[in-house]
Amino acid sequence: MARKTTFYYSFLVLPSDQRRAIIAVWDFCRAVDDAVDEAVSGRREAIAFWRGELARCYDSSAPDTPEGRRLQPFVAPFDLPRQAFEDVIDGVAMDLDCTRYETFDDLLEYCRRVASAVGLICIRIFRCRSHGAAAYALNLGVALQLTNIIRDVKDDLDRDRIYFPLEDLRALGCTEADLSAGVMSGPVRALLEFECRRAREFYQKAIAARPDEDRGRLAAAEIMRAVYFATLQRVEARGYDVFSGRVRLRRPEQAMIALKQWLFPS
């Protein structure tokens, strides 16, 4: 895992076996995502390949890829849920056919597949014991994915993708042309402000669902939450301008946020 990833500092607090497992999961899911985002052709074949690779990880066959070979040894010890991996692949596959989402419920299904499903895998690795941990993972996954969507509007437009629900655009008088222009007009600002508020709601839902008995086991997830929430705050502090330059936290900033969250959990 590259040090530049937002998840890097959250994983450092984990015991070595959990850290290796979480990195294997992250690398596998990243490879599936790259199959759609980076492939020039043969994307459906790539998705089919990764479905087969997942099956090999679970049926004791020899995986074909480094990612599969690194993941397989952790499947049984951590009882990793296969369906969650299938959901991730299903979510990534949605990008093959869907470049627009009519309603938030439609987008929510995407977020739950590509992000919340990973959270459900992670709580197994964290060895969470409470049923409430699943609700925490589901809501936090949506919050993180919404933050990504807000931050990456410009990049997604370059791929002819708009993840903001079209019903939101209509309600706020914002057109696709307004977004594509990359100008912070009134309707564009109103849309981004609305989506930031929605992301905040899911961060709050995650905090409300966070089980006290698993608080220590969720330390890595809580660091992740703090770093991503700081990214959302950075978008807000810039007046929601996600067009003039990529909103990012420098590595020292991420490290400081991680350290603060580790020492003084919020």
C-alpha atoms as a PDB file:
ATOM      1  CA  MET A   1       0.000   0.000   0.000  1.00  0.00           C
ATOM      2  CA  ALA A   2       1.343   3.400  -0.974  1.00  0.00           C
ATOM      3  CA  ARG A   3       1.989   5.891   1.788  1.00  0.00           C
ATOM      4  CA  LYS A   4       0.018   8.472  -0.145  1.00  0.00           C
ATOM      5  CA  THR A   5      -3.311   6.735   0.414  1.00  0.00           C
ATOM      6  CA  THR A   6      -5.705   8.375   2.834  1.00  0.00           C
ATOM      7  CA  PHE A   7      -6.005   5.075   4.691  1.00  0.00           C
ATOM      8  CA  TYR A   8      -2.281   4.743   5.401  1.00  0.00           C
ATOM      9  CA  TYR A   9      -2.170   6.358   8.842  1.00  0.00           C
ATOM     10  CA  SER A  10      -5.302   4.619  10.081  1.00  0.00           C
ATOM     11  CA  PHE A  11      -3.792   1.215   9.369  1.00  0.00           C
ATOM     12  CA  LEU A  12      -0.621   1.948  11.333  1.00  0.00           C
ATOM     13  CA  VAL A  13      -2.478   1.579  14.644  1.00  0.00           C
ATOM     14  CA  LEU A  14      -3.461  -2.020  13.916  1.00  0.00           C
ATOM     15  CA  PRO A  15      -1.670  -5.137  15.180  1.00  0.00           C
ATOM     16  CA  SER A  16       0.482  -6.654  12.446  1.00  0.00           C
ATOM     17  CA  ASP A  17      -1.893  -9.492  11.523  1.00  0.00           C
ATOM     18  CA  GLN A  18      -4.847  -7.141  11.207  1.00  0.00           C
ATOM     19  CA  ARG A  19      -2.778  -4.604   9.314  1.00  0.00           C
ATOM     20  CA  ARG A  20      -1.636  -7.205   6.774  1.00  0.00           C
ATOM     21  CA  ALA A  21      -5.204  -8.447   6.398  1.00  0.00           C
ATOM     22  CA  ILE A  22      -6.668  -4.979   5.899  1.00  0.00           C
ATOM     23  CA  ILE A  23      -4.003  -4.083   3.355  1.00  0.00           C
ATOM     24  CA  ALA A  24      -4.714  -7.316   1.452  1.00  0.00           C
ATOM     25  CA  VAL A  25      -8.423  -6.439   1.381  1.00  0.00           C
ATOM     26  CA  TRP A  26      -7.714  -2.858   0.301  1.00  0.00           C
ATOM     27  CA  ASP A  27      -5.344  -3.971  -2.486  1.00  0.00           C
ATOM     28  CA  PHE A  28      -7.823  -6.554  -3.773  1.00  0.00           C
ATOM     29  CA  CYS A  29     -10.700  -4.060  -3.863  1.00  0.00           C
ATOM     30  CA  ARG A  30      -8.472  -1.433  -5.458  1.00  0.00           C
ATOM     31  CA  ALA A  31      -7.501  -3.879  -8.209  1.00  0.00           C
ATOM     32  CA  VAL A  32     -11.180  -4.563  -8.914  1.00  0.00           C
ATOM     33  CA  ASP A  33     -11.885  -0.824  -9.085  1.00  0.00           C
ATOM     34  CA  ASP A  34      -8.926  -0.226 -11.389  1.00  0.00           C
ATOM     35  CA  ALA A  35     -10.313  -2.873 -13.737  1.00  0.00           C
ATOM     36  CA  VAL A  36     -13.060  -0.400 -14.636  1.00  0.00           C
ATOM     37  CA  ASP A  37     -11.379   2.952 -14.082  1.00  0.00           C
ATOM     38  CA  GLU A  38      -8.126   2.270 -15.908  1.00  0.00           C
ATOM     39  CA  ALA A  39      -8.907  -0.417 -18.454  1.00  0.00           C
ATOM     40  CA  VAL A  40      -9.125   0.856 -22.032  1.00  0.00           C
ATOM     41  CA  SER A  41     -11.124  -2.124 -23.239  1.00  0.00           C
ATOM     42  CA  GLY A  42     -12.349  -5.468 -21.982  1.00  0.00           C
ATOM     43  CA  ARG A  43     -13.857  -4.036 -18.817  1.00  0.00           C
ATOM     44  CA  ARG A  44     -16.610  -6.620 -18.590  1.00  0.00           C
ATOM     45  CA  GLU A  45     -14.071  -9.374 -19.061  1.00  0.00           C
ATOM     46  CA  ALA A  46     -11.982  -7.811 -16.303  1.00  0.00           C
ATOM     47  CA  ILE A  47     -14.960  -7.807 -13.931  1.00  0.00           C
ATOM     48  CA  ALA A  48     -15.617 -11.458 -14.791  1.00  0.00           C
ATOM     49  CA  PHE A  49     -11.980 -12.265 -14.119  1.00  0.00           C
ATOM     50  CA  TRP A  50     -12.094 -10.701 -10.655  1.00  0.00           C
ATOM     51  CA  ARG A  51     -15.270 -12.604  -9.832  1.00  0.00           C
ATOM     52  CA  GLY A  52     -13.373 -15.760 -10.687  1.00  0.00           C
ATOM     53  CA  GLU A  53     -10.368 -14.625  -8.689  1.00  0.00           C
ATOM     54  CA  LEU A  54     -12.586 -14.074  -5.660  1.00  0.00           C
ATOM     55  CA  ALA A  55     -13.971 -17.595  -6.068  1.00  0.00           C
ATOM     56  CA  ARG A  56     -10.434 -18.958  -6.132  1.00  0.00           C
ATOM     57  CA  CYS A  57      -9.669 -17.149  -2.875  1.00  0.00           C
ATOM     58  CA  TYR A  58     -12.593 -18.930  -1.224  1.00  0.00           C
ATOM     59  CA  ASP A  59     -12.449 -22.417  -2.753  1.00  0.00           C
ATOM     60  CA  SER A  60      -8.770 -23.084  -1.923  1.00  0.00           C
ATOM     61  CA  SER A  61      -7.690 -22.902  -5.553  1.00  0.00           C
ATOM     62  CA  ALA A  62      -4.505 -21.053  -6.390  1.00  0.00           C
ATOM     63  CA  PRO A  63      -5.332 -17.388  -7.111  1.00  0.00           C
ATOM     64  CA  ASP A  64      -3.883 -15.968 -10.313  1.00  0.00           C
ATOM     65  CA  THR A  65      -2.948 -12.513  -9.053  1.00  0.00           C
ATOM     66  CA  PRO A  66      -0.676 -11.143  -6.323  1.00  0.00           C
ATOM     67  CA  GLU A  67      -3.744  -9.472  -4.794  1.00  0.00           C
ATOM     68  CA  GLY A  68      -5.634 -12.747  -4.643  1.00  0.00           C
ATOM     69  CA  ARG A  69      -2.664 -14.625  -3.228  1.00  0.00           C
ATOM     70  CA  ARG A  70      -2.232 -12.018  -0.492  1.00  0.00           C
ATOM     71  CA  LEU A  71      -5.930 -12.045   0.384  1.00  0.00           C
ATOM     72  CA  GLN A  72      -6.523 -15.795   0.486  1.00  0.00           C
ATOM     73  CA  PRO A  73      -4.608 -16.575   3.722  1.00  0.00           C
ATOM     74  CA  PHE A  74      -6.829 -14.157   5.678  1.00  0.00           C
ATOM     75  CA  VAL A  75     -10.209 -15.414   4.461  1.00  0.00           C
ATOM     76  CA  ALA A  76     -10.582 -18.229   6.991  1.00  0.00           C
ATOM     77  CA  PRO A  77      -8.816 -16.774  10.058  1.00  0.00           C
ATOM     78  CA  PHE A  78     -10.944 -13.619   9.965  1.00  0.00           C
ATOM     79  CA  ASP A  79     -14.072 -15.277   8.531  1.00  0.00           C
ATOM     80  CA  LEU A  80     -14.220 -12.628   5.819  1.00  0.00           C
ATOM     81  CA  PRO A  81     -17.727 -12.387   4.313  1.00  0.00           C
ATOM     82  CA  ARG A  82     -17.660 -13.404   0.671  1.00  0.00           C
ATOM     83  CA  GLN A  83     -20.928 -11.601  -0.068  1.00  0.00           C
ATOM     84  CA  ALA A  84     -19.348  -8.286   0.891  1.00  0.00           C
ATOM     85  CA  PHE A  85     -16.624  -8.815  -1.718  1.00  0.00           C
ATOM     86  CA  GLU A  86     -19.305  -9.777  -4.254  1.00  0.00           C
ATOM     87  CA  ASP A  87     -21.099  -6.537  -3.397  1.00  0.00           C
ATOM     88  CA  VAL A  88     -17.913  -4.552  -4.041  1.00  0.00           C
ATOM     89  CA  ILE A  89     -17.561  -6.161  -7.468  1.00  0.00           C
ATOM     90  CA  ASP A  90     -21.256  -5.509  -8.175  1.00  0.00           C
ATOM     91  CA  GLY A  91     -20.772  -1.859  -7.218  1.00  0.00           C
ATOM     92  CA  VAL A  92     -17.737  -1.420  -9.421  1.00  0.00           C
ATOM     93  CA  ALA A  93     -19.617  -3.111 -12.258  1.00  0.00           C
ATOM     94  CA  MET A  94     -22.351  -0.476 -11.945  1.00  0.00           C
ATOM     95  CA  ASP A  95     -19.890   2.029 -13.412  1.00  0.00           C
ATOM     96  CA  LEU A  96     -19.919   0.036 -16.659  1.00  0.00           C
ATOM     97  CA  ASP A  97     -23.506   0.998 -17.436  1.00  0.00           C
ATOM     98  CA  CYS A  98     -24.513   3.791 -15.110  1.00  0.00           C
ATOM     99  CA  THR A  99     -23.096   7.296 -15.423  1.00  0.00           C
ATOM    100  CA  ARG A 100     -26.049   9.078 -13.801  1.00  0.00           C
ATOM    101  CA  TYR A 101     -28.213   8.399 -10.739  1.00  0.00           C
ATOM    102  CA  GLU A 102     -31.789   9.579 -10.772  1.00  0.00           C
ATOM    103  CA  THR A 103     -32.461   9.465  -7.025  1.00  0.00           C
ATOM    104  CA  PHE A 104     -30.469   9.370  -3.815  1.00  0.00           C
ATOM    105  CA  ASP A 105     -31.796   5.869  -3.146  1.00  0.00           C
ATOM    106  CA  ASP A 106     -30.140   4.796  -6.400  1.00  0.00           C
ATOM    107  CA  LEU A 107     -26.853   6.387  -5.368  1.00  0.00           C
ATOM    108  CA  LEU A 108     -27.153   4.937  -1.869  1.00  0.00           C
ATOM    109  CA  GLU A 109     -27.166   1.424  -3.300  1.00  0.00           C
ATOM    110  CA  TYR A 110     -23.927   2.217  -5.142  1.00  0.00           C
ATOM    111  CA  CYS A 111     -22.315   3.654  -1.989  1.00  0.00           C
ATOM    112  CA  ARG A 112     -23.299   0.657   0.064  1.00  0.00           C
ATOM    113  CA  ARG A 113     -21.757  -1.694  -2.450  1.00  0.00           C
ATOM    114  CA  VAL A 114     -18.454   0.047  -3.130  1.00  0.00           C
ATOM    115  CA  ALA A 115     -17.824   1.447   0.359  1.00  0.00           C
ATOM    116  CA  SER A 116     -20.076   0.088   3.098  1.00  0.00           C
ATOM    117  CA  ALA A 117     -19.377  -3.480   1.981  1.00  0.00           C
ATOM    118  CA  VAL A 118     -15.673  -2.863   2.568  1.00  0.00           C
ATOM    119  CA  GLY A 119     -16.552  -1.609   6.037  1.00  0.00           C
ATOM    120  CA  LEU A 120     -18.396  -4.853   6.765  1.00  0.00           C
ATOM    121  CA  ILE A 121     -15.239  -6.744   5.817  1.00  0.00           C
ATOM    122  CA  CYS A 122     -13.109  -4.483   7.995  1.00  0.00           C
ATOM    123  CA  ILE A 123     -15.147  -4.982  11.163  1.00  0.00           C
ATOM    124  CA  ARG A 124     -14.451  -8.701  10.871  1.00  0.00           C
ATOM    125  CA  ILE A 125     -10.741  -7.942  10.747  1.00  0.00           C
ATOM    126  CA  PHE A 126     -11.087  -5.552  13.681  1.00  0.00           C
ATOM    127  CA  ARG A 127     -12.806  -8.440  15.537  1.00  0.00           C
ATOM    128  CA  CYS A 128     -15.783  -6.315  16.515  1.00  0.00           C
ATOM    129  CA  ARG A 129     -18.257  -8.155  18.706  1.00  0.00           C
ATOM    130  CA  SER A 130     -21.296  -5.900  18.744  1.00  0.00           C
ATOM    131  CA  HIS A 131     -24.154  -6.070  16.244  1.00  0.00           C
ATOM    132  CA  GLY A 132     -24.066  -2.269  16.245  1.00  0.00           C
ATOM    133  CA  ALA A 133     -20.703  -2.340  14.471  1.00  0.00           C
ATOM    134  CA  ALA A 134     -22.469  -3.233  11.216  1.00  0.00           C
ATOM    135  CA  ALA A 135     -24.655  -0.118  11.356  1.00  0.00           C
ATOM    136  CA  TYR A 136     -21.551   1.943  12.076  1.00  0.00           C
ATOM    137  CA  ALA A 137     -19.770   0.425   9.068  1.00  0.00           C
ATOM    138  CA  LEU A 138     -22.728   0.932   6.755  1.00  0.00           C
ATOM    139  CA  ASN A 139     -23.184   4.605   7.627  1.00  0.00           C
ATOM    140  CA  LEU A 140     -19.490   5.416   7.696  1.00  0.00           C
ATOM    141  CA  GLY A 141     -19.020   3.789   4.306  1.00  0.00           C
ATOM    142  CA  VAL A 142     -21.717   6.016   2.813  1.00  0.00           C
ATOM    143  CA  ALA A 143     -20.187   9.104   4.458  1.00  0.00           C
ATOM    144  CA  LEU A 144     -16.730   8.308   3.074  1.00  0.00           C
ATOM    145  CA  GLN A 145     -18.044   7.620  -0.416  1.00  0.00           C
ATOM    146  CA  LEU A 146     -20.097  10.815  -0.471  1.00  0.00           C
ATOM    147  CA  THR A 147     -16.965  12.719   0.549  1.00  0.00           C
ATOM    148  CA  ASN A 148     -15.093  11.103  -2.344  1.00  0.00           C
ATOM    149  CA  ILE A 149     -17.891  12.032  -4.744  1.00  0.00           C
ATOM    150  CA  ILE A 150     -17.877  15.656  -3.606  1.00  0.00           C
ATOM    151  CA  ARG A 151     -14.085  15.915  -3.765  1.00  0.00           C
ATOM    152  CA  ASP A 152     -13.819  14.205  -7.176  1.00  0.00           C
ATOM    153  CA  VAL A 153     -16.583  16.012  -9.077  1.00  0.00           C
ATOM    154  CA  LYS A 154     -14.183  17.378 -11.680  1.00  0.00           C
ATOM    155  CA  ASP A 155     -12.416  14.057 -12.294  1.00  0.00           C
ATOM    156  CA  ASP A 156     -15.742  12.256 -12.614  1.00  0.00           C
ATOM    157  CA  LEU A 157     -17.035  14.845 -15.091  1.00  0.00           C
ATOM    158  CA  ASP A 158     -13.955  14.160 -17.205  1.00  0.00           C
ATOM    159  CA  ARG A 159     -15.168  10.526 -17.351  1.00  0.00           C
ATOM    160  CA  ASP A 160     -18.707  11.685 -18.175  1.00  0.00           C
ATOM    161  CA  ARG A 161     -19.933  10.605 -14.755  1.00  0.00           C
ATOM    162  CA  ILE A 162     -22.146  12.566 -12.401  1.00  0.00           C
ATOM    163  CA  TYR A 163     -22.800  10.867  -9.101  1.00  0.00           C
ATOM    164  CA  PHE A 164     -24.945  13.619  -7.579  1.00  0.00           C
ATOM    165  CA  PRO A 165     -28.579  12.510  -7.893  1.00  0.00           C
ATOM    166  CA  LEU A 166     -30.305  14.205 -10.812  1.00  0.00           C
ATOM    167  CA  GLU A 167     -33.289  14.900  -8.568  1.00  0.00           C
ATOM    168  CA  ASP A 168     -30.967  17.087  -6.459  1.00  0.00           C
ATOM    169  CA  LEU A 169     -29.803  19.018  -9.507  1.00  0.00           C
ATOM    170  CA  ARG A 170     -33.375  19.729 -10.543  1.00  0.00           C
ATOM    171  CA  ALA A 171     -34.459  20.719  -7.031  1.00  0.00           C
ATOM    172  CA  LEU A 172     -31.614  23.231  -6.760  1.00  0.00           C
ATOM    173  CA  GLY A 173     -31.811  24.591 -10.300  1.00  0.00           C
ATOM    174  CA  CYS A 174     -28.426  23.206 -11.310  1.00  0.00           C
ATOM    175  CA  THR A 175     -27.890  21.699 -14.745  1.00  0.00           C
ATOM    176  CA  GLU A 176     -25.285  19.270 -15.976  1.00  0.00           C
ATOM    177  CA  ALA A 177     -23.923  22.098 -18.104  1.00  0.00           C
ATOM    178  CA  ASP A 178     -23.499  24.210 -14.949  1.00  0.00           C
ATOM    179  CA  LEU A 179     -21.382  21.478 -13.370  1.00  0.00           C
ATOM    180  CA  SER A 180     -19.371  20.868 -16.531  1.00  0.00           C
ATOM    181  CA  ALA A 181     -18.551  24.572 -16.780  1.00  0.00           C
ATOM    182  CA  GLY A 182     -16.617  24.279 -13.531  1.00  0.00           C
ATOM    183  CA  VAL A 183     -17.739  27.714 -12.364  1.00  0.00           C
ATOM    184  CA  MET A 184     -18.970  28.312  -8.830  1.00  0.00           C
ATOM    185  CA  SER A 185     -22.314  29.738  -9.802  1.00  0.00           C
ATOM    186  CA  GLY A 186     -25.146  30.033  -7.319  1.00  0.00           C
ATOM    187  CA  PRO A 187     -26.840  26.752  -8.312  1.00  0.00           C
ATOM    188  CA  VAL A 188     -23.528  24.844  -8.292  1.00  0.00           C
ATOM    189  CA  ARG A 189     -22.636  26.182  -4.859  1.00  0.00           C
ATOM    190  CA  ALA A 190     -26.110  25.326  -3.556  1.00  0.00           C
ATOM    191  CA  LEU A 191     -25.777  21.769  -4.876  1.00  0.00           C
ATOM    192  CA  LEU A 192     -22.364  21.193  -3.311  1.00  0.00           C
ATOM    193  CA  GLU A 193     -23.483  22.702  -0.019  1.00  0.00           C
ATOM    194  CA  PHE A 194     -26.490  20.386   0.008  1.00  0.00           C
ATOM    195  CA  GLU A 195     -24.372  17.307  -0.707  1.00  0.00           C
ATOM    196  CA  CYS A 196     -21.889  18.276   2.011  1.00  0.00           C
ATOM    197  CA  ARG A 197     -24.743  18.496   4.509  1.00  0.00           C
ATOM    198  CA  ARG A 198     -25.906  15.067   3.444  1.00  0.00           C
ATOM    199  CA  ALA A 199     -22.414  13.642   3.956  1.00  0.00           C
ATOM    200  CA  ARG A 200     -22.311  15.232   7.417  1.00  0.00           C
ATOM    201  CA  GLU A 201     -25.587  13.486   8.258  1.00  0.00           C
ATOM    202  CA  PHE A 202     -24.043  10.105   7.530  1.00  0.00           C
ATOM    203  CA  TYR A 203     -20.967  10.894   9.612  1.00  0.00           C
ATOM    204  CA  GLN A 204     -23.345  11.685  12.470  1.00  0.00           C
ATOM    205  CA  LYS A 205     -25.304   8.483  11.875  1.00  0.00           C
ATOM    206  CA  ALA A 206     -22.054   6.519  12.072  1.00  0.00           C
ATOM    207  CA  ILE A 207     -21.117   8.181  15.358  1.00  0.00           C
ATOM    208  CA  ALA A 208     -24.603   7.515  16.751  1.00  0.00           C
ATOM    209  CA  ALA A 209     -24.358   3.841  15.786  1.00  0.00           C
ATOM    210  CA  ARG A 210     -20.804   3.394  17.092  1.00  0.00           C
ATOM    211  CA  PRO A 211     -20.905   0.672  19.774  1.00  0.00           C
ATOM    212  CA  ASP A 212     -19.140   1.598  23.007  1.00  0.00           C
ATOM    213  CA  GLU A 213     -17.979  -1.982  23.573  1.00  0.00           C
ATOM    214  CA  ASP A 214     -16.094  -1.953  20.254  1.00  0.00           C
ATOM    215  CA  ARG A 215     -14.728   1.578  20.527  1.00  0.00           C
ATOM    216  CA  GLY A 216     -11.134   0.432  20.921  1.00  0.00           C
ATOM    217  CA  ARG A 217     -11.414  -2.096  18.099  1.00  0.00           C
ATOM    218  CA  LEU A 218     -12.665   0.647  15.791  1.00  0.00           C
ATOM    219  CA  ALA A 219      -9.642   2.907  16.334  1.00  0.00           C
ATOM    220  CA  ALA A 220      -8.447   2.536  12.736  1.00  0.00           C
ATOM    221  CA  ALA A 221     -11.919   3.259  11.367  1.00  0.00           C
ATOM    222  CA  GLU A 222     -12.220   6.279  13.630  1.00  0.00           C
ATOM    223  CA  ILE A 223      -8.948   7.675  12.303  1.00  0.00           C
ATOM    224  CA  MET A 224     -10.276   7.147   8.799  1.00  0.00           C
ATOM    225  CA  ARG A 225     -13.454   8.971   9.753  1.00  0.00           C
ATOM    226  CA  ALA A 226     -11.500  11.897  11.194  1.00  0.00           C
ATOM    227  CA  VAL A 227      -9.282  12.261   8.112  1.00  0.00           C
ATOM    228  CA  TYR A 228     -12.156  12.094   5.656  1.00  0.00           C
ATOM    229  CA  PHE A 229     -14.289  14.458   7.717  1.00  0.00           C
ATOM    230  CA  ALA A 230     -11.402  16.932   7.698  1.00  0.00           C
ATOM    231  CA  THR A 231     -11.389  16.648   3.898  1.00  0.00           C
ATOM    232  CA  LEU A 232     -15.086  17.492   3.848  1.00  0.00           C
ATOM    233  CA  GLN A 233     -14.418  20.478   6.094  1.00  0.00           C
ATOM    234  CA  ARG A 234     -11.690  21.610   3.698  1.00  0.00           C
ATOM    235  CA  VAL A 235     -14.219  21.598   0.855  1.00  0.00           C
ATOM    236  CA  GLU A 236     -16.570  23.706   2.960  1.00  0.00           C
ATOM    237  CA  ALA A 237     -13.782  26.099   3.956  1.00  0.00           C
ATOM    238  CA  ARG A 238     -13.012  26.662   0.256  1.00  0.00           C
ATOM    239  CA  GLY A 239     -16.572  27.780  -0.327  1.00  0.00           C
ATOM    240  CA  TYR A 240     -17.334  24.392  -1.936  1.00  0.00           C
ATOM    241  CA  ASP A 241     -14.961  25.113  -4.814  1.00  0.00           C
ATOM    242  CA  VAL A 242     -13.854  21.679  -6.010  1.00  0.00           C
ATOM    243  CA  PHE A 243     -13.001  22.896  -9.513  1.00  0.00           C
ATOM    244  CA  SER A 244     -10.011  25.227  -9.155  1.00  0.00           C
ATOM    245  CA  GLY A 245      -7.787  22.546  -7.629  1.00  0.00           C
ATOM    246  CA  ARG A 246      -8.058  19.141  -6.016  1.00  0.00           C
ATOM    247  CA  VAL A 247      -9.015  19.310  -2.357  1.00  0.00           C
ATOM    248  CA  ARG A 248      -6.504  17.279  -0.428  1.00  0.00           C
ATOM    249  CA  LEU A 249      -4.869  17.048   2.962  1.00  0.00           C
ATOM    250  CA  ARG A 250      -1.112  16.950   2.953  1.00  0.00           C
ATOM    251  CA  ARG A 251       0.517  13.905   4.517  1.00  0.00           C
ATOM    252  CA  PRO A 252       1.681  15.817   7.627  1.00  0.00           C
ATOM    253  CA  GLU A 253      -1.889  17.031   8.132  1.00  0.00           C
ATOM    254  CA  GLN A 254      -3.213  13.502   7.845  1.00  0.00           C
ATOM    255  CA  ALA A 255      -0.604  12.289  10.311  1.00  0.00           C
ATOM    256  CA  MET A 256      -1.535  14.966  12.830  1.00  0.00           C
ATOM    257  CA  ILE A 257      -5.241  14.210  12.515  1.00  0.00           C
ATOM    258  CA  ALA A 258      -4.532  10.507  12.980  1.00  0.00           C
ATOM    259  CA  LEU A 259      -2.371  11.142  16.037  1.00  0.00           C
ATOM    260  CA  LYS A 260      -4.934  13.447  17.608  1.00  0.00           C
ATOM    261  CA  GLN A 261      -7.742  10.951  17.024  1.00  0.00           C
ATOM    262  CA  TRP A 262      -5.605   8.153  18.452  1.00  0.00           C
ATOM    263  CA  LEU A 263      -4.652  10.071  21.588  1.00  0.00           C
ATOM    264  CA  PHE A 264      -7.897  11.952  22.118  1.00  0.00           C
ATOM    265  CA  PRO A 265     -10.764   9.944  20.582  1.00  0.00           C
ATOM    266  CA  SER A 266     -13.739  12.092  19.631  1.00  0.00           C
END
